Amino acid sequence: MAAIRLGKAIESEWMLAAGGLASIAFGAIVFFAPEAGALATVWLISMYATGALPRLPLVLS
């Protein structure tokens, strides 16, 4: 919903919508398979801590 309202204010509203959908999908995975969700969370935190995640450019205009 925020992506639709902010569509005129930001350039990459599709990324905001994609992030929201990814969050909903991850929440469903954690709800239906808590072990897999916990493992994915540990992987994400460890990749962030080691710097293994790619850095996306921050676009400010």
Protein backbone atom coordinates (compact mmCIF):
# COMPACT_ATOMS: atom_id res chain seq x y z
CA MET A 1 0.00 0.00 0.00
CA ALA A 2 2.83 2.40 0.82
CA ALA A 3 4.38 1.72 -2.58
CA ILE A 4 1.21 2.87 -4.28
CA ARG A 5 0.86 6.03 -2.18
CA LEU A 6 4.53 6.95 -2.52
CA GLY A 7 4.63 6.17 -6.25
CA LYS A 8 4.88 9.80 -7.27
CA ALA A 9 7.38 10.74 -4.56
CA ILE A 10 10.00 8.04 -5.19
CA GLU A 11 11.54 6.64 -8.34
CA SER A 12 11.85 2.95 -7.47
CA GLU A 13 8.49 2.17 -5.93
CA TRP A 14 8.63 -1.32 -7.41
CA MET A 15 11.53 -2.10 -5.04
CA LEU A 16 9.41 -1.04 -2.07
CA ALA A 17 6.59 -3.31 -3.23
CA ALA A 18 9.02 -6.20 -3.88
CA GLY A 19 10.48 -5.79 -0.40
CA GLY A 20 7.00 -5.92 1.11
CA LEU A 21 6.15 -9.08 -0.81
CA ALA A 22 9.46 -10.67 0.20
CA SER A 23 8.70 -9.85 3.84
CA ILE A 24 5.28 -11.47 3.61
CA ALA A 25 6.77 -14.56 1.95
CA PHE A 26 9.46 -14.84 4.62
CA GLY A 27 6.82 -14.48 7.34
CA ALA A 28 4.84 -17.33 5.79
CA ILE A 29 7.95 -19.52 5.67
CA VAL A 30 8.71 -18.78 9.32
CA PHE A 31 5.11 -19.51 10.29
CA PHE A 32 4.80 -22.82 8.41
CA ALA A 33 8.41 -24.03 8.78
CA PRO A 34 9.99 -22.40 11.85
CA GLU A 35 13.20 -24.45 11.56
CA ALA A 36 13.85 -23.29 8.00
CA GLY A 37 12.99 -19.72 8.95
CA ALA A 38 15.39 -19.78 11.88
CA LEU A 39 18.15 -21.20 9.69
CA ALA A 40 17.55 -18.57 7.00
CA THR A 41 17.67 -15.84 9.65
CA VAL A 42 20.99 -17.14 10.99
CA TRP A 43 22.39 -17.27 7.44
CA LEU A 44 21.29 -13.72 6.67
CA ILE A 45 22.74 -12.35 9.91
CA SER A 46 26.03 -14.18 9.39
CA MET A 47 26.32 -13.02 5.77
CA TYR A 48 25.62 -9.45 6.86
CA ALA A 49 28.19 -9.70 9.66
CA THR A 50 30.90 -11.07 7.36
CA GLY A 51 30.18 -8.62 4.55
CA ALA A 52 29.16 -11.36 2.12
CA LEU A 53 25.96 -9.58 1.07
CA PRO A 54 26.30 -7.28 -1.94
CA ARG A 55 25.96 -3.58 -1.25
CA LEU A 56 23.15 -1.94 -3.18
CA PRO A 57 23.64 1.66 -4.20
CA LEU A 58 21.64 4.14 -2.19
CA VAL A 59 19.93 6.56 -4.54
CA LEU A 60 19.05 9.91 -3.01
CA SER A 61 17.54 12.58 -5.17
